[in-house]
Amino acid sequence: MLKSLSSPCCKKVASGVHMTGSADKRPPEETASDGENKTLNFKVDLEFKKEFKGFAGSQGITMTELLKEGFELSKKKRLK
């Protein structure tokens, strides 16, 4: 059991303790193992989110797959 929540890696949430990070101060790209997914956070407006999620679902793919596909297409277009 944790005695203190003052550590920078933990915060108290309604359901108990939520780990927000590790004490390892290296950048995440240096600590992630191969094949391990990492969270990518950014904000979009509600309508874009609905359209993006709906389109991914209608195509039978995940939002992550749609994002990766769109990123690859954008790189090809911009790096001509």
N, C-alpha and C. Protein backbone atom coordinates (compact mmCIF):
# COMPACT_ATOMS: atom_id res chain seq x y z
N MET A 1 0.84 -1.19 0.00
CA MET A 1 0.00 0.00 0.00
C MET A 1 0.88 1.24 0.00
N LEU A 2 0.48 2.24 -0.77
CA LEU A 2 1.23 3.49 -0.83
C LEU A 2 0.96 4.32 0.41
N LYS A 3 2.00 4.84 1.02
CA LYS A 3 1.84 5.66 2.21
C LYS A 3 1.60 7.11 1.84
N SER A 4 2.18 7.56 0.73
CA SER A 4 2.07 8.96 0.37
C SER A 4 1.73 9.09 -1.10
N LEU A 5 0.91 10.07 -1.41
CA LEU A 5 0.58 10.36 -2.80
C LEU A 5 1.31 11.61 -3.28
N SER A 6 2.34 12.03 -2.55
CA SER A 6 3.06 13.23 -2.93
C SER A 6 4.06 12.99 -4.04
N SER A 7 4.27 11.74 -4.40
CA SER A 7 5.19 11.41 -5.48
C SER A 7 4.67 11.97 -6.78
N PRO A 8 5.55 12.47 -7.68
CA PRO A 8 5.09 13.02 -8.95
C PRO A 8 4.51 11.97 -9.88
N CYS A 9 4.65 10.69 -9.56
CA CYS A 9 4.15 9.65 -10.46
C CYS A 9 2.75 9.21 -10.11
N CYS A 10 2.16 9.75 -9.05
CA CYS A 10 0.85 9.29 -8.62
C CYS A 10 -0.08 10.47 -8.38
N LYS A 11 -1.37 10.23 -8.57
CA LYS A 11 -2.35 11.21 -8.14
C LYS A 11 -3.57 10.47 -7.63
N LYS A 12 -4.26 11.09 -6.71
CA LYS A 12 -5.45 10.44 -6.14
C LYS A 12 -6.64 10.72 -7.04
N VAL A 13 -7.37 9.67 -7.35
CA VAL A 13 -8.61 9.79 -8.13
C VAL A 13 -9.72 9.13 -7.34
N ALA A 14 -10.96 9.31 -7.77
CA ALA A 14 -12.11 8.80 -7.02
C ALA A 14 -12.00 7.30 -6.75
N SER A 15 -11.43 6.56 -7.69
CA SER A 15 -11.36 5.11 -7.53
C SER A 15 -10.11 4.66 -6.78
N GLY A 16 -9.30 5.58 -6.31
CA GLY A 16 -8.09 5.21 -5.59
C GLY A 16 -6.89 5.95 -6.13
N VAL A 17 -5.82 5.22 -6.38
CA VAL A 17 -4.57 5.81 -6.86
C VAL A 17 -4.43 5.54 -8.34
N HIS A 18 -4.10 6.57 -9.08
CA HIS A 18 -3.88 6.45 -10.52
C HIS A 18 -2.42 6.76 -10.81
N MET A 19 -1.73 5.82 -11.42
CA MET A 19 -0.33 6.04 -11.77
C MET A 19 -0.27 6.89 -13.03
N THR A 20 0.42 8.02 -12.97
CA THR A 20 0.49 8.92 -14.11
C THR A 20 1.82 8.86 -14.82
N GLY A 21 2.78 8.20 -14.28
CA GLY A 21 4.09 8.13 -14.90
C GLY A 21 5.03 7.39 -13.98
N SER A 22 6.25 7.26 -14.40
CA SER A 22 7.22 6.58 -13.55
C SER A 22 8.24 7.58 -13.05
N ALA A 23 9.05 7.14 -12.13
CA ALA A 23 10.10 8.00 -11.61
C ALA A 23 11.24 8.14 -12.61
N ASP A 24 11.26 7.32 -13.64
CA ASP A 24 12.28 7.37 -14.68
C ASP A 24 12.12 8.68 -15.44
N LYS A 25 13.14 9.52 -15.47
CA LYS A 25 13.05 10.84 -16.08
C LYS A 25 13.47 10.86 -17.55
N ARG A 26 13.78 9.69 -18.12
CA ARG A 26 14.14 9.66 -19.54
C ARG A 26 12.92 9.95 -20.39
N PRO A 27 13.11 10.52 -21.59
CA PRO A 27 11.97 10.75 -22.49
C PRO A 27 11.28 9.43 -22.80
N PRO A 28 9.95 9.44 -23.00
CA PRO A 28 9.20 8.20 -23.25
C PRO A 28 9.73 7.38 -24.41
N GLU A 29 10.21 8.03 -25.46
CA GLU A 29 10.71 7.27 -26.61
C GLU A 29 11.95 6.44 -26.26
N GLU A 30 12.63 6.80 -25.18
CA GLU A 30 13.79 6.03 -24.75
C GLU A 30 13.42 4.90 -23.79
N THR A 31 12.23 4.94 -23.23
CA THR A 31 11.85 3.93 -22.26
C THR A 31 10.82 2.93 -22.80
N ALA A 32 10.18 3.25 -23.91
CA ALA A 32 9.16 2.35 -24.47
C ALA A 32 9.82 1.16 -25.15
N SER A 33 9.25 -0.01 -24.92
CA SER A 33 9.77 -1.19 -25.58
C SER A 33 9.18 -1.27 -26.98
N ASP A 34 9.84 -2.01 -27.86
CA ASP A 34 9.36 -2.17 -29.23
C ASP A 34 7.95 -2.73 -29.23
N GLY A 35 7.09 -2.19 -30.06
CA GLY A 35 5.73 -2.68 -30.18
C GLY A 35 4.78 -2.18 -29.11
N GLU A 36 5.26 -1.43 -28.15
CA GLU A 36 4.41 -0.92 -27.08
C GLU A 36 3.71 0.35 -27.55
N ASN A 37 2.40 0.40 -27.43
CA ASN A 37 1.65 1.59 -27.82
C ASN A 37 1.75 2.65 -26.76
N LYS A 38 1.81 3.88 -27.19
CA LYS A 38 1.85 5.03 -26.30
C LYS A 38 0.67 5.93 -26.62
N THR A 39 0.23 6.69 -25.64
CA THR A 39 -0.90 7.59 -25.81
C THR A 39 -0.46 8.85 -26.53
N LEU A 40 -1.30 9.29 -27.46
CA LEU A 40 -1.09 10.54 -28.18
C LEU A 40 -2.30 11.41 -27.88
N ASN A 41 -2.11 12.52 -27.20
CA ASN A 41 -3.24 13.36 -26.78
C ASN A 41 -3.26 14.68 -27.53
N PHE A 42 -4.40 15.02 -28.08
CA PHE A 42 -4.63 16.33 -28.64
C PHE A 42 -6.13 16.57 -28.69
N LYS A 43 -6.52 17.81 -28.77
CA LYS A 43 -7.94 18.16 -28.74
C LYS A 43 -8.43 18.48 -30.14
N VAL A 44 -9.66 18.04 -30.42
CA VAL A 44 -10.37 18.38 -31.65
C VAL A 44 -11.79 18.76 -31.25
N ASP A 45 -12.49 19.47 -32.15
CA ASP A 45 -13.87 19.82 -31.80
C ASP A 45 -14.76 18.59 -31.88
N LEU A 46 -15.89 18.67 -31.21
CA LEU A 46 -16.80 17.53 -31.07
C LEU A 46 -17.27 17.00 -32.42
N GLU A 47 -17.58 17.88 -33.36
CA GLU A 47 -18.06 17.43 -34.67
C GLU A 47 -16.99 16.65 -35.42
N PHE A 48 -15.73 17.11 -35.35
CA PHE A 48 -14.65 16.37 -36.01
C PHE A 48 -14.51 14.99 -35.39
N LYS A 49 -14.56 14.92 -34.06
CA LYS A 49 -14.43 13.63 -33.39
C LYS A 49 -15.52 12.67 -33.82
N LYS A 50 -16.76 13.16 -33.85
CA LYS A 50 -17.88 12.31 -34.27
C LYS A 50 -17.69 11.82 -35.70
N GLU A 51 -17.30 12.73 -36.59
CA GLU A 51 -17.10 12.36 -38.00
C GLU A 51 -15.95 11.37 -38.15
N PHE A 52 -14.85 11.61 -37.46
CA PHE A 52 -13.67 10.75 -37.53
C PHE A 52 -14.00 9.35 -37.02
N LYS A 53 -14.62 9.29 -35.86
CA LYS A 53 -14.97 8.00 -35.25
C LYS A 53 -16.00 7.26 -36.10
N GLY A 54 -16.99 7.99 -36.61
CA GLY A 54 -18.01 7.38 -37.45
C GLY A 54 -17.43 6.84 -38.75
N PHE A 55 -16.52 7.60 -39.36
CA PHE A 55 -15.92 7.15 -40.61
C PHE A 55 -15.06 5.92 -40.38
N ALA A 56 -14.27 5.93 -39.32
CA ALA A 56 -13.44 4.76 -39.01
C ALA A 56 -14.33 3.53 -38.82
N GLY A 57 -15.40 3.68 -38.07
CA GLY A 57 -16.31 2.56 -37.84
C GLY A 57 -16.96 2.07 -39.11
N SER A 58 -17.36 3.00 -39.97
CA SER A 58 -18.02 2.62 -41.23
C SER A 58 -17.07 1.88 -42.17
N GLN A 59 -15.76 2.10 -41.99
CA GLN A 59 -14.76 1.43 -42.81
C GLN A 59 -14.25 0.15 -42.16
N GLY A 60 -14.72 -0.12 -40.95
CA GLY A 60 -14.31 -1.33 -40.25
C GLY A 60 -12.88 -1.29 -39.73
N ILE A 61 -12.40 -0.08 -39.44
CA ILE A 61 -11.05 0.08 -38.91
C ILE A 61 -11.11 0.88 -37.61
N THR A 62 -10.04 0.84 -36.85
CA THR A 62 -9.97 1.62 -35.62
C THR A 62 -9.60 3.06 -35.93
N MET A 63 -9.85 3.94 -34.98
CA MET A 63 -9.44 5.34 -35.15
C MET A 63 -7.93 5.43 -35.27
N THR A 64 -7.21 4.58 -34.57
CA THR A 64 -5.75 4.57 -34.66
C THR A 64 -5.31 4.20 -36.06
N GLU A 65 -5.94 3.18 -36.64
CA GLU A 65 -5.59 2.78 -38.00
C GLU A 65 -5.87 3.91 -38.99
N LEU A 66 -7.00 4.60 -38.82
CA LEU A 66 -7.34 5.71 -39.70
C LEU A 66 -6.33 6.84 -39.56
N LEU A 67 -5.93 7.16 -38.33
CA LEU A 67 -4.94 8.20 -38.10
C LEU A 67 -3.61 7.85 -38.76
N LYS A 68 -3.16 6.62 -38.58
CA LYS A 68 -1.89 6.19 -39.18
C LYS A 68 -1.95 6.24 -40.70
N GLU A 69 -3.07 5.79 -41.27
CA GLU A 69 -3.23 5.80 -42.73
C GLU A 69 -3.21 7.24 -43.25
N GLY A 70 -3.93 8.12 -42.57
CA GLY A 70 -3.96 9.53 -42.97
C GLY A 70 -2.59 10.18 -42.85
N PHE A 71 -1.85 9.83 -41.82
CA PHE A 71 -0.51 10.38 -41.63
C PHE A 71 0.42 9.95 -42.76
N GLU A 72 0.35 8.68 -43.13
CA GLU A 72 1.18 8.18 -44.24
C GLU A 72 0.83 8.89 -45.54
N LEU A 73 -0.46 9.08 -45.82
CA LEU A 73 -0.87 9.78 -47.03
C LEU A 73 -0.40 11.23 -47.01
N SER A 74 -0.48 11.88 -45.86
CA SER A 74 -0.04 13.27 -45.73
C SER A 74 1.46 13.39 -45.96
N LYS A 75 2.24 12.46 -45.41
CA LYS A 75 3.70 12.50 -45.63
C LYS A 75 4.03 12.35 -47.10
N LYS A 76 3.36 11.42 -47.79
CA LYS A 76 3.61 11.21 -49.23
C LYS A 76 3.30 12.48 -50.01
N LYS A 77 2.20 13.12 -49.69
CA LYS A 77 1.78 14.33 -50.40
C LYS A 77 2.75 15.49 -50.14
N ARG A 78 3.16 15.67 -48.91
CA ARG A 78 3.98 16.83 -48.54
C ARG A 78 5.46 16.67 -48.84
N LEU A 79 5.92 15.45 -48.98
CA LEU A 79 7.36 15.22 -49.19
C LEU A 79 7.70 14.93 -50.65
N LYS A 80 6.87 15.38 -51.57
CA LYS A 80 7.13 15.17 -53.00
C LYS A 80 8.32 15.98 -53.45
